[in-house]
Amino acid sequence: MTCLLLDSIIKGKNTGMISNVVLEEIQRAPADLKEKILEEVRKVPLEIISEDEASADLLEIYEKGSFIRRTARLDLRHLAVSVINGADAVVSWNFRDIVNVRKEGCALHKPEAGILFDRNCFTRGGDRI
């Protein structure tokens, strides 16, 4: 799946973004892993997006929503910077709280409707997925 996505970005079918949050995480990786990741990232035309005052404000709103555990602040930083920069999707290998449809709480963001929090947003026919 990752290769398909990166290939679609390289071919110009999709636009890729990478945030300062991700780059910070890469810098904290063990040296050998960090070099492998950076080597692959350099092959893909990615727009670098950064946290700013607007994403900090959105992060604060997300944190007040308390729909995920407090120790998942990094996930909220990813989400806030992505939303503020107009990402259509947030792709992750390890979001435990936000991209996990089996969790009790979740967040939806629709720019035209504002920020929506719904603890039962992942249901099908009234049954939780």
N, C-alpha and C. Protein backbone atom coordinates (compact mmCIF):
# COMPACT_ATOMS: atom_id res chain seq x y z
N MET A 1 0.82 -1.19 0.00
CA MET A 1 0.00 0.00 0.00
C MET A 1 0.87 1.26 0.00
N THR A 2 1.89 1.28 0.84
CA THR A 2 2.78 2.44 0.89
C THR A 2 3.45 2.68 -0.45
N CYS A 3 3.93 1.62 -1.09
CA CYS A 3 4.59 1.76 -2.39
C CYS A 3 3.64 2.32 -3.43
N LEU A 4 2.38 1.86 -3.42
CA LEU A 4 1.39 2.37 -4.37
C LEU A 4 1.15 3.86 -4.17
N LEU A 5 1.04 4.28 -2.94
CA LEU A 5 0.82 5.70 -2.64
C LEU A 5 2.02 6.53 -3.08
N LEU A 6 3.21 6.10 -2.69
CA LEU A 6 4.41 6.87 -3.05
C LEU A 6 4.59 6.92 -4.56
N ASP A 7 4.29 5.82 -5.24
CA ASP A 7 4.38 5.79 -6.69
C ASP A 7 3.40 6.77 -7.33
N SER A 8 2.20 6.86 -6.77
CA SER A 8 1.20 7.79 -7.32
C SER A 8 1.64 9.25 -7.12
N ILE A 9 2.37 9.52 -6.04
CA ILE A 9 2.89 10.87 -5.81
C ILE A 9 4.02 11.16 -6.79
N ILE A 10 4.91 10.20 -6.98
CA ILE A 10 6.02 10.37 -7.92
C ILE A 10 5.50 10.61 -9.33
N LYS A 11 4.41 9.91 -9.72
CA LYS A 11 3.83 10.07 -11.06
C LYS A 11 2.95 11.30 -11.19
N GLY A 12 2.76 12.02 -10.09
CA GLY A 12 1.97 13.25 -10.14
C GLY A 12 0.48 13.04 -10.03
N LYS A 13 0.04 11.84 -9.71
CA LYS A 13 -1.39 11.56 -9.56
C LYS A 13 -1.93 12.12 -8.25
N ASN A 14 -1.08 12.19 -7.26
CA ASN A 14 -1.43 12.74 -5.96
C ASN A 14 -0.33 13.69 -5.51
N THR A 15 -0.70 14.60 -4.62
CA THR A 15 0.28 15.51 -4.04
C THR A 15 0.64 14.98 -2.67
N GLY A 16 1.91 14.92 -2.38
CA GLY A 16 2.36 14.44 -1.08
C GLY A 16 2.84 15.57 -0.21
N MET A 17 2.59 15.46 1.05
CA MET A 17 3.06 16.43 2.04
C MET A 17 3.77 15.67 3.14
N ILE A 18 4.76 16.31 3.72
CA ILE A 18 5.41 15.77 4.90
C ILE A 18 5.57 16.93 5.87
N SER A 19 5.24 16.69 7.12
CA SER A 19 5.26 17.79 8.08
C SER A 19 6.54 17.83 8.90
N ASN A 20 6.75 18.97 9.52
CA ASN A 20 7.88 19.10 10.44
C ASN A 20 7.75 18.08 11.58
N VAL A 21 6.54 17.69 11.91
CA VAL A 21 6.33 16.71 12.96
C VAL A 21 6.94 15.37 12.55
N VAL A 22 6.69 14.96 11.30
CA VAL A 22 7.25 13.70 10.79
C VAL A 22 8.77 13.80 10.71
N LEU A 23 9.25 14.93 10.22
CA LEU A 23 10.70 15.11 10.10
C LEU A 23 11.38 15.05 11.47
N GLU A 24 10.72 15.59 12.50
CA GLU A 24 11.26 15.49 13.85
C GLU A 24 11.33 14.03 14.31
N GLU A 25 10.28 13.27 13.98
CA GLU A 25 10.27 11.85 14.35
C GLU A 25 11.39 11.09 13.65
N ILE A 26 11.59 11.38 12.38
CA ILE A 26 12.66 10.73 11.63
C ILE A 26 14.02 11.03 12.27
N GLN A 27 14.22 12.27 12.68
CA GLN A 27 15.50 12.66 13.29
C GLN A 27 15.77 11.90 14.60
N ARG A 28 14.71 11.48 15.28
CA ARG A 28 14.88 10.75 16.54
C ARG A 28 15.09 9.24 16.34
N ALA A 29 14.96 8.77 15.11
CA ALA A 29 15.11 7.33 14.82
C ALA A 29 16.58 6.92 14.96
N PRO A 30 16.83 5.64 15.20
CA PRO A 30 18.22 5.16 15.21
C PRO A 30 18.89 5.49 13.88
N ALA A 31 20.19 5.76 13.92
CA ALA A 31 20.94 6.27 12.75
C ALA A 31 20.73 5.45 11.48
N ASP A 32 20.83 4.13 11.57
CA ASP A 32 20.69 3.30 10.36
C ASP A 32 19.28 3.39 9.78
N LEU A 33 18.27 3.37 10.63
CA LEU A 33 16.89 3.49 10.18
C LEU A 33 16.63 4.88 9.62
N LYS A 34 17.14 5.89 10.31
CA LYS A 34 16.95 7.28 9.87
C LYS A 34 17.48 7.47 8.45
N GLU A 35 18.65 6.94 8.16
CA GLU A 35 19.24 7.09 6.82
C GLU A 35 18.41 6.37 5.77
N LYS A 36 17.88 5.19 6.09
CA LYS A 36 17.04 4.45 5.14
C LYS A 36 15.76 5.23 4.84
N ILE A 37 15.15 5.76 5.88
CA ILE A 37 13.91 6.53 5.69
C ILE A 37 14.18 7.78 4.86
N LEU A 38 15.21 8.52 5.23
CA LEU A 38 15.53 9.76 4.51
C LEU A 38 15.87 9.48 3.05
N GLU A 39 16.54 8.38 2.78
CA GLU A 39 16.87 8.00 1.41
C GLU A 39 15.59 7.80 0.59
N GLU A 40 14.60 7.15 1.19
CA GLU A 40 13.33 6.92 0.49
C GLU A 40 12.52 8.21 0.36
N VAL A 41 12.50 9.02 1.40
CA VAL A 41 11.75 10.28 1.38
C VAL A 41 12.29 11.21 0.30
N ARG A 42 13.59 11.23 0.12
CA ARG A 42 14.21 12.10 -0.89
C ARG A 42 13.80 11.74 -2.33
N LYS A 43 13.33 10.53 -2.53
CA LYS A 43 12.92 10.08 -3.87
C LYS A 43 11.53 10.60 -4.27
N VAL A 44 10.81 11.09 -3.30
CA VAL A 44 9.42 11.48 -3.52
C VAL A 44 9.28 13.00 -3.44
N PRO A 45 8.61 13.62 -4.44
CA PRO A 45 8.41 15.07 -4.38
C PRO A 45 7.35 15.42 -3.33
N LEU A 46 7.79 15.80 -2.16
CA LEU A 46 6.89 16.10 -1.06
C LEU A 46 6.95 17.58 -0.71
N GLU A 47 5.78 18.14 -0.49
CA GLU A 47 5.70 19.52 0.00
C GLU A 47 5.91 19.46 1.51
N ILE A 48 6.82 20.27 2.01
CA ILE A 48 7.06 20.31 3.45
C ILE A 48 6.09 21.31 4.07
N ILE A 49 5.31 20.83 5.01
CA ILE A 49 4.37 21.69 5.72
C ILE A 49 4.83 21.80 7.18
N SER A 50 4.55 22.94 7.78
CA SER A 50 5.03 23.18 9.14
C SER A 50 3.91 23.66 10.04
N GLU A 51 4.05 23.35 11.31
CA GLU A 51 3.12 23.85 12.30
C GLU A 51 3.22 25.36 12.36
N ASP A 52 2.10 26.00 12.61
CA ASP A 52 2.06 27.45 12.74
C ASP A 52 1.01 27.80 13.79
N GLU A 53 0.70 29.07 13.89
CA GLU A 53 -0.26 29.50 14.90
C GLU A 53 -1.64 28.86 14.68
N ALA A 54 -2.05 28.75 13.43
CA ALA A 54 -3.36 28.16 13.13
C ALA A 54 -3.41 26.68 13.54
N SER A 55 -2.34 25.95 13.24
CA SER A 55 -2.33 24.54 13.62
C SER A 55 -2.23 24.39 15.15
N ALA A 56 -1.54 25.32 15.80
CA ALA A 56 -1.47 25.30 17.27
C ALA A 56 -2.84 25.55 17.88
N ASP A 57 -3.60 26.48 17.27
CA ASP A 57 -4.96 26.75 17.75
C ASP A 57 -5.85 25.52 17.56
N LEU A 58 -5.73 24.86 16.41
CA LEU A 58 -6.53 23.67 16.15
C LEU A 58 -6.12 22.54 17.09
N LEU A 59 -4.83 22.40 17.35
CA LEU A 59 -4.34 21.40 18.29
C LEU A 59 -4.98 21.61 19.66
N GLU A 60 -5.05 22.85 20.08
CA GLU A 60 -5.67 23.16 21.38
C GLU A 60 -7.14 22.74 21.41
N ILE A 61 -7.85 22.97 20.31
CA ILE A 61 -9.25 22.56 20.23
C ILE A 61 -9.35 21.04 20.30
N TYR A 62 -8.50 20.36 19.56
CA TYR A 62 -8.50 18.89 19.58
C TYR A 62 -8.22 18.37 20.99
N GLU A 63 -7.24 18.97 21.66
CA GLU A 63 -6.89 18.52 23.01
C GLU A 63 -8.05 18.73 23.99
N LYS A 64 -8.76 19.82 23.84
CA LYS A 64 -9.91 20.07 24.72
C LYS A 64 -11.04 19.10 24.44
N GLY A 65 -11.09 18.55 23.23
CA GLY A 65 -12.13 17.59 22.88
C GLY A 65 -11.99 16.28 23.63
N SER A 66 -10.82 16.00 24.14
CA SER A 66 -10.50 14.81 24.94
C SER A 66 -11.07 13.52 24.38
N PHE A 67 -10.99 13.36 23.06
CA PHE A 67 -11.48 12.12 22.47
C PHE A 67 -10.39 11.07 22.32
N ILE A 68 -9.16 11.43 22.68
CA ILE A 68 -8.09 10.45 22.72
C ILE A 68 -7.30 10.63 24.01
N ARG A 69 -6.47 9.68 24.32
CA ARG A 69 -5.68 9.76 25.54
C ARG A 69 -4.65 10.90 25.44
N ARG A 70 -4.32 11.47 26.55
CA ARG A 70 -3.41 12.62 26.59
C ARG A 70 -2.03 12.31 26.02
N THR A 71 -1.59 11.08 26.14
CA THR A 71 -0.25 10.73 25.65
C THR A 71 -0.19 10.63 24.13
N ALA A 72 -1.30 10.83 23.44
CA ALA A 72 -1.33 10.75 21.98
C ALA A 72 -1.24 12.14 21.35
N ARG A 73 -0.65 13.09 22.05
CA ARG A 73 -0.55 14.48 21.56
C ARG A 73 0.15 14.55 20.21
N LEU A 74 1.14 13.70 19.98
CA LEU A 74 1.86 13.70 18.71
C LEU A 74 0.90 13.42 17.55
N ASP A 75 -0.03 12.47 17.74
CA ASP A 75 -1.02 12.18 16.71
C ASP A 75 -1.87 13.42 16.41
N LEU A 76 -2.23 14.15 17.44
CA LEU A 76 -3.03 15.36 17.24
C LEU A 76 -2.23 16.44 16.53
N ARG A 77 -0.94 16.52 16.79
CA ARG A 77 -0.09 17.48 16.06
C ARG A 77 -0.09 17.15 14.57
N HIS A 78 0.05 15.85 14.26
CA HIS A 78 0.00 15.41 12.86
C HIS A 78 -1.32 15.84 12.21
N LEU A 79 -2.40 15.54 12.89
CA LEU A 79 -3.71 15.84 12.36
C LEU A 79 -3.92 17.34 12.18
N ALA A 80 -3.57 18.14 13.17
CA ALA A 80 -3.80 19.59 13.10
C ALA A 80 -3.01 20.23 11.96
N VAL A 81 -1.73 19.92 11.82
CA VAL A 81 -0.93 20.52 10.75
C VAL A 81 -1.44 20.07 9.38
N SER A 82 -1.92 18.85 9.29
CA SER A 82 -2.45 18.34 8.01
C SER A 82 -3.75 19.05 7.63
N VAL A 83 -4.63 19.19 8.59
CA VAL A 83 -5.91 19.85 8.32
C VAL A 83 -5.69 21.30 7.92
N ILE A 84 -4.87 22.02 8.65
CA ILE A 84 -4.62 23.43 8.36
C ILE A 84 -4.00 23.62 6.98
N ASN A 85 -3.20 22.65 6.55
CA ASN A 85 -2.56 22.76 5.24
C ASN A 85 -3.36 22.11 4.12
N GLY A 86 -4.60 21.74 4.39
CA GLY A 86 -5.51 21.28 3.35
C GLY A 86 -5.30 19.86 2.86
N ALA A 87 -4.71 19.01 3.66
CA ALA A 87 -4.52 17.61 3.25
C ALA A 87 -5.88 16.93 3.13
N ASP A 88 -6.06 16.16 2.07
CA ASP A 88 -7.30 15.41 1.89
C ASP A 88 -7.32 14.15 2.74
N ALA A 89 -6.14 13.65 3.08
CA ALA A 89 -6.05 12.44 3.89
C ALA A 89 -4.77 12.49 4.72
N VAL A 90 -4.81 11.82 5.85
CA VAL A 90 -3.63 11.66 6.69
C VAL A 90 -3.29 10.18 6.64
N VAL A 91 -2.08 9.89 6.20
CA VAL A 91 -1.65 8.51 6.06
C VAL A 91 -0.68 8.21 7.19
N SER A 92 -0.87 7.08 7.82
CA SER A 92 -0.02 6.73 8.96
C SER A 92 0.16 5.23 9.05
N TRP A 93 1.30 4.85 9.59
CA TRP A 93 1.54 3.44 9.90
C TRP A 93 1.20 3.14 11.35
N ASN A 94 1.07 4.16 12.17
CA ASN A 94 0.96 3.87 13.60
C ASN A 94 0.05 4.78 14.41
N PHE A 95 -0.88 5.48 13.81
CA PHE A 95 -1.80 6.27 14.62
C PHE A 95 -2.68 5.30 15.40
N ARG A 96 -2.48 5.23 16.68
CA ARG A 96 -3.20 4.29 17.51
C ARG A 96 -4.60 4.80 17.87
N ASP A 97 -4.74 6.11 17.97
CA ASP A 97 -6.00 6.66 18.46
C ASP A 97 -6.86 7.30 17.38
N ILE A 98 -6.25 7.82 16.35
CA ILE A 98 -7.02 8.59 15.38
C ILE A 98 -7.47 7.76 14.19
N VAL A 99 -6.62 6.91 13.68
CA VAL A 99 -6.94 6.15 12.47
C VAL A 99 -7.37 4.72 12.83
N ASN A 100 -7.75 4.52 14.05
CA ASN A 100 -8.17 3.20 14.49
C ASN A 100 -9.69 3.20 14.59
N VAL A 101 -10.36 2.58 13.61
CA VAL A 101 -11.82 2.62 13.55
C VAL A 101 -12.48 1.81 14.66
N ARG A 102 -11.71 1.01 15.37
CA ARG A 102 -12.29 0.23 16.45
C ARG A 102 -12.29 0.97 17.79
N LYS A 103 -11.70 2.17 17.80
CA LYS A 103 -11.67 2.95 19.03
C LYS A 103 -13.05 3.53 19.32
N GLU A 104 -13.29 3.77 20.59
CA GLU A 104 -14.58 4.33 21.02
C GLU A 104 -14.78 5.75 20.51
N GLY A 105 -13.74 6.56 20.51
CA GLY A 105 -13.86 7.94 20.09
C GLY A 105 -13.15 8.18 18.78
N CYS A 106 -13.56 9.18 18.07
CA CYS A 106 -12.89 9.53 16.82
C CYS A 106 -13.16 11.00 16.54
N ALA A 107 -12.44 11.55 15.58
CA ALA A 107 -12.63 12.95 15.22
C ALA A 107 -12.87 13.05 13.73
N LEU A 108 -13.75 13.89 13.36
CA LEU A 108 -13.99 14.19 11.96
C LEU A 108 -13.80 15.69 11.78
N HIS A 109 -13.23 16.07 10.66
CA HIS A 109 -13.09 17.49 10.40
C HIS A 109 -13.58 17.76 8.99
N LYS A 110 -14.56 18.62 8.88
CA LYS A 110 -15.07 19.07 7.60
C LYS A 110 -14.93 20.58 7.60
N PRO A 111 -14.04 21.13 6.76
CA PRO A 111 -13.83 22.58 6.79
C PRO A 111 -15.12 23.38 6.66
N GLU A 112 -16.05 22.92 5.83
CA GLU A 112 -17.27 23.68 5.63
C GLU A 112 -18.22 23.60 6.82
N ALA A 113 -18.01 22.60 7.69
CA ALA A 113 -18.91 22.43 8.83
C ALA A 113 -18.23 22.72 10.17
N GLY A 114 -16.94 22.98 10.14
CA GLY A 114 -16.23 23.18 11.38
C GLY A 114 -15.71 21.85 11.91
N ILE A 115 -15.31 21.84 13.14
CA ILE A 115 -14.76 20.64 13.75
C ILE A 115 -15.89 19.86 14.41
N LEU A 116 -15.97 18.60 14.09
CA LEU A 116 -17.02 17.76 14.64
C LEU A 116 -16.38 16.65 15.46
N PHE A 117 -16.89 16.43 16.65
CA PHE A 117 -16.46 15.32 17.47
C PHE A 117 -17.65 14.39 17.63
N ASP A 118 -17.46 13.12 17.41
CA ASP A 118 -18.55 12.16 17.51
C ASP A 118 -17.98 10.86 18.05
N ARG A 119 -18.43 10.44 19.20
CA ARG A 119 -17.89 9.22 19.81
C ARG A 119 -18.40 7.96 19.12
N ASN A 120 -19.36 8.05 18.24
CA ASN A 120 -19.90 6.87 17.57
C ASN A 120 -19.90 7.04 16.06
N CYS A 121 -18.88 7.69 15.53
CA CYS A 121 -18.93 8.02 14.10
C CYS A 121 -18.63 6.83 13.20
N PHE A 122 -18.05 5.76 13.72
CA PHE A 122 -17.77 4.62 12.87
C PHE A 122 -18.78 3.51 13.14
N THR A 123 -19.93 3.67 12.54
CA THR A 123 -20.97 2.64 12.69
C THR A 123 -21.50 2.27 11.32
N ARG A 124 -22.01 1.09 11.23
CA ARG A 124 -22.66 0.63 9.99
C ARG A 124 -23.98 0.01 10.41
N GLY A 125 -25.07 0.61 10.00
CA GLY A 125 -26.38 0.08 10.36
C GLY A 125 -26.60 0.01 11.86
N GLY A 126 -26.03 0.94 12.60
CA GLY A 126 -26.20 0.97 14.05
C GLY A 126 -25.21 0.10 14.79
N ASP A 127 -24.47 -0.77 14.08
CA ASP A 127 -23.47 -1.62 14.72
C ASP A 127 -22.10 -0.99 14.58
N ARG A 128 -21.34 -1.06 15.66
CA ARG A 128 -19.96 -0.54 15.59
C ARG A 128 -19.15 -1.44 14.67
N ILE A 129 -18.26 -0.81 13.91
CA ILE A 129 -17.39 -1.58 13.03
C ILE A 129 -16.25 -2.14 13.86
